[in-house]
C-alpha atoms as a PDB file:
ATOM      1  CA  MET A   1       6.572  20.576   9.409  1.00  0.00           C
ATOM      2  CA  ARG A   2       7.941  17.755   7.273  1.00  0.00           C
ATOM      3  CA  TRP A   3       6.545  15.187   9.684  1.00  0.00           C
ATOM      4  CA  VAL A   4       3.027  16.545   9.094  1.00  0.00           C
ATOM      5  CA  GLY A   5       3.339  15.819   5.369  1.00  0.00           C
ATOM      6  CA  GLN A   6       4.629  12.330   6.113  1.00  0.00           C
ATOM      7  CA  LEU A   7       1.737  11.734   8.507  1.00  0.00           C
ATOM      8  CA  ILE A   8      -0.810  12.867   5.916  1.00  0.00           C
ATOM      9  CA  GLU A   9       0.843  10.690   3.279  1.00  0.00           C
ATOM     10  CA  THR A  10       0.764   7.691   5.645  1.00  0.00           C
ATOM     11  CA  ILE A  11      -2.933   8.243   6.396  1.00  0.00           C
ATOM     12  CA  ALA A  12      -3.657   8.505   2.667  1.00  0.00           C
ATOM     13  CA  GLY A  13      -1.657   5.301   2.134  1.00  0.00           C
ATOM     14  CA  CYS A  14      -3.653   3.475   4.805  1.00  0.00           C
ATOM     15  CA  TRP A  15      -6.839   4.681   3.141  1.00  0.00           C
ATOM     16  CA  GLN A  16      -5.668   3.308  -0.219  1.00  0.00           C
ATOM     17  CA  LEU A  17      -4.783  -0.049   1.353  1.00  0.00           C
ATOM     18  CA  LEU A  18      -8.213  -0.215   2.999  1.00  0.00           C
ATOM     19  CA  ARG A  19      -9.833   0.678  -0.329  1.00  0.00           C
ATOM     20  CA  LEU A  20      -7.875  -2.094  -2.032  1.00  0.00           C
ATOM     21  CA  LEU A  21      -8.878  -4.583   0.669  1.00  0.00           C
ATOM     22  CA  ILE A  22     -12.530  -3.666   0.193  1.00  0.00           C
ATOM     23  CA  LEU A  23     -12.255  -3.968  -3.597  1.00  0.00           C
ATOM     24  CA  SER A  24     -10.656  -7.400  -3.223  1.00  0.00           C
ATOM     25  CA  ARG A  25     -13.361  -8.344  -0.687  1.00  0.00           C
ATOM     26  CA  PHE A  26     -10.724  -9.012   1.981  1.00  0.00           C
ATOM     27  CA  ARG A  27      -9.562 -12.147   0.160  1.00  0.00           C
ATOM     28  CA  LEU A  28      -5.924 -11.990   1.237  1.00  0.00           C
ATOM     29  CA  LYS A  29      -5.285 -15.424  -0.234  1.00  0.00           C
ATOM     30  CA  GLY A  30      -6.969 -14.477  -3.519  1.00  0.00           C
ATOM     31  CA  ARG A  31      -5.279 -14.165  -6.894  1.00  0.00           C
ATOM     32  CA  TYR A  32      -4.462 -10.441  -6.593  1.00  0.00           C
ATOM     33  CA  TRP A  33      -2.819 -10.640  -3.187  1.00  0.00           C
ATOM     34  CA  VAL A  34      -0.870 -13.792  -4.063  1.00  0.00           C
ATOM     35  CA  TRP A  35       0.411 -12.031  -7.199  1.00  0.00           C
ATOM     36  CA  ARG A  36       1.150  -8.852  -5.227  1.00  0.00           C
ATOM     37  CA  ASN A  37       3.245 -10.776  -2.679  1.00  0.00           C
ATOM     38  CA  GLU A  38       5.131 -12.624  -5.409  1.00  0.00           C
ATOM     39  CA  THR A  39       5.998  -9.425  -7.274  1.00  0.00           C
ATOM     40  CA  ALA A  40       6.812  -7.466  -4.144  1.00  0.00           C
ATOM     41  CA  PHE A  41       8.975 -10.028  -2.386  1.00  0.00           C
ATOM     42  CA  GLY A  42       9.770 -12.779  -4.886  1.00  0.00           C
ATOM     43  CA  THR A  43      11.003 -15.875  -3.117  1.00  0.00           C
ATOM     44  CA  GLY A  44      12.622 -13.947  -0.264  1.00  0.00           C
ATOM     45  CA  LYS A  45       9.784 -13.020   2.074  1.00  0.00           C
ATOM     46  CA  PRO A  46      10.692 -10.634   4.906  1.00  0.00           C
ATOM     47  CA  THR A  47      11.624 -12.497   8.042  1.00  0.00           C
ATOM     48  CA  GLN A  48      10.236  -9.909  10.424  1.00  0.00           C
ATOM     49  CA  ARG A  49       6.648  -8.752  10.602  1.00  0.00           C
ATOM     50  CA  SER A  50       7.813  -5.139  10.905  1.00  0.00           C
ATOM     51  CA  GLU A  51       9.486  -5.373   7.477  1.00  0.00           C
ATOM     52  CA  THR A  52       6.251  -6.641   5.944  1.00  0.00           C
ATOM     53  CA  ILE A  53       4.255  -3.815   7.548  1.00  0.00           C
ATOM     54  CA  LYS A  54       6.783  -1.218   6.383  1.00  0.00           C
ATOM     55  CA  ALA A  55       6.636  -2.599   2.830  1.00  0.00           C
ATOM     56  CA  ALA A  56       2.812  -2.524   2.873  1.00  0.00           C
ATOM     57  CA  LEU A  57       2.789   1.081   4.120  1.00  0.00           C
ATOM     58  CA  ASP A  58       5.324   2.084   1.474  1.00  0.00           C
ATOM     59  CA  TYR A  59       3.075   0.512  -1.169  1.00  0.00           C
ATOM     60  CA  GLY A  60       0.048   2.342   0.246  1.00  0.00           C
ATOM     61  CA  ARG A  61       1.903   5.674   0.186  1.00  0.00           C
ATOM     62  CA  TRP A  62       2.962   5.020  -3.393  1.00  0.00           C
ATOM     63  CA  MET A  63      -0.656   4.252  -4.393  1.00  0.00           C
ATOM     64  CA  ALA A  64      -1.832   7.486  -2.765  1.00  0.00           C
ATOM     65  CA  ARG A  65       0.795   9.525  -4.647  1.00  0.00           C
ATOM     66  CA  ILE A  66      -0.092   7.894  -7.965  1.00  0.00           C
ATOM     67  CA  ARG A  67      -3.830   8.468  -7.477  1.00  0.00           C
ATOM     68  CA  LYS A  68      -3.154  12.071  -6.514  1.00  0.00           C
ATOM     69  CA  LEU A  69      -1.155  12.602  -9.726  1.00  0.00           C
ATOM     70  CA  GLY A  70      -4.012  11.224 -11.816  1.00  0.00           C
ATOM     71  CA  ARG A  71      -6.612  13.665 -10.486  1.00  0.00           C
ATOM     72  CA  PRO A  72      -7.657  16.459 -12.810  1.00  0.00           C
ATOM     73  CA  ARG A  73      -6.707  19.917 -11.584  1.00  0.00           C
ATOM     74  CA  TYR A  74      -9.226  22.671 -12.154  1.00  0.00           C
END
Protein backbone atom coordinates (compact mmCIF):
# COMPACT_ATOMS: atom_id res chain seq x y z
CA MET A 1 0.00 0.00 0.00
CA ARG A 2 2.99 2.30 0.38
CA TRP A 3 3.27 2.64 -3.38
CA VAL A 4 -0.28 4.06 -3.52
CA GLY A 5 0.73 6.89 -1.18
CA GLN A 6 3.82 7.57 -3.27
CA LEU A 7 1.72 7.61 -6.44
CA ILE A 8 -0.76 10.07 -4.91
CA GLU A 9 2.10 12.25 -3.69
CA THR A 10 3.68 12.21 -7.17
CA ILE A 11 0.38 13.19 -8.80
CA ALA A 12 -0.03 16.01 -6.28
CA GLY A 13 3.55 17.09 -7.02
CA CYS A 14 2.88 17.15 -10.76
CA TRP A 15 -0.22 19.23 -10.09
CA GLN A 16 1.83 21.73 -8.07
CA LEU A 17 4.45 21.96 -10.82
CA LEU A 18 1.72 22.56 -13.41
CA ARG A 19 0.19 25.21 -11.15
CA LEU A 20 3.57 26.90 -10.82
CA LEU A 21 4.08 26.80 -14.59
CA ILE A 22 0.69 28.43 -15.12
CA LEU A 23 1.42 31.11 -12.50
CA SER A 24 4.75 31.87 -14.18
CA ARG A 25 2.99 31.90 -17.57
CA PHE A 26 5.24 29.10 -18.85
CA ARG A 27 8.24 31.46 -18.96
CA LEU A 28 10.90 28.85 -18.23
CA LYS A 29 13.64 31.37 -18.96
CA GLY A 30 12.01 33.99 -16.72
CA ARG A 31 13.44 35.36 -13.49
CA TYR A 32 11.76 32.80 -11.19
CA TRP A 33 12.88 29.73 -13.10
CA VAL A 34 16.42 31.04 -13.58
CA TRP A 35 16.61 31.69 -9.83
CA ARG A 36 15.07 28.29 -9.07
CA ASN A 37 17.68 26.50 -11.20
CA GLU A 38 20.53 28.46 -9.63
CA THR A 39 19.40 27.66 -6.08
CA ALA A 40 18.57 24.05 -6.84
CA PHE A 41 21.69 23.11 -8.76
CA GLY A 42 24.22 25.92 -8.30
CA THR A 43 26.94 25.70 -10.91
CA GLY A 44 26.78 21.91 -11.18
CA LYS A 45 23.78 21.17 -13.38
CA PRO A 46 22.79 17.50 -13.63
CA THR A 47 24.40 15.82 -16.60
CA GLN A 48 21.52 13.48 -17.30
CA ARG A 49 17.98 14.49 -18.12
CA SER A 50 16.64 11.82 -15.76
CA GLU A 51 18.39 13.53 -12.82
CA THR A 52 16.76 16.84 -13.72
CA ILE A 53 13.33 15.21 -13.96
CA LYS A 54 13.81 13.43 -10.63
CA ALA A 55 14.85 16.71 -8.98
CA ALA A 56 11.80 18.50 -10.44
CA LEU A 57 9.46 15.75 -9.21
CA ASP A 58 11.06 15.84 -5.76
CA TYR A 59 10.48 19.61 -5.68
CA GLY A 60 6.87 19.13 -6.77
CA ARG A 61 6.28 16.53 -4.05
CA TRP A 62 7.82 18.86 -1.48
CA MET A 63 5.53 21.72 -2.62
CA ALA A 64 2.49 19.46 -2.32
CA ARG A 65 3.45 18.43 1.23
CA ILE A 66 4.04 22.03 2.28
CA ARG A 67 0.72 23.21 0.83
CA LYS A 68 -1.05 20.32 2.54
CA LEU A 69 0.47 21.32 5.90
CA GLY A 70 -0.75 24.89 5.47
CA ARG A 71 -4.40 23.94 4.96
CA PRO A 72 -6.74 24.61 7.86
CA ARG A 73 -8.22 21.48 9.40
CA TYR A 74 -11.84 21.66 10.45
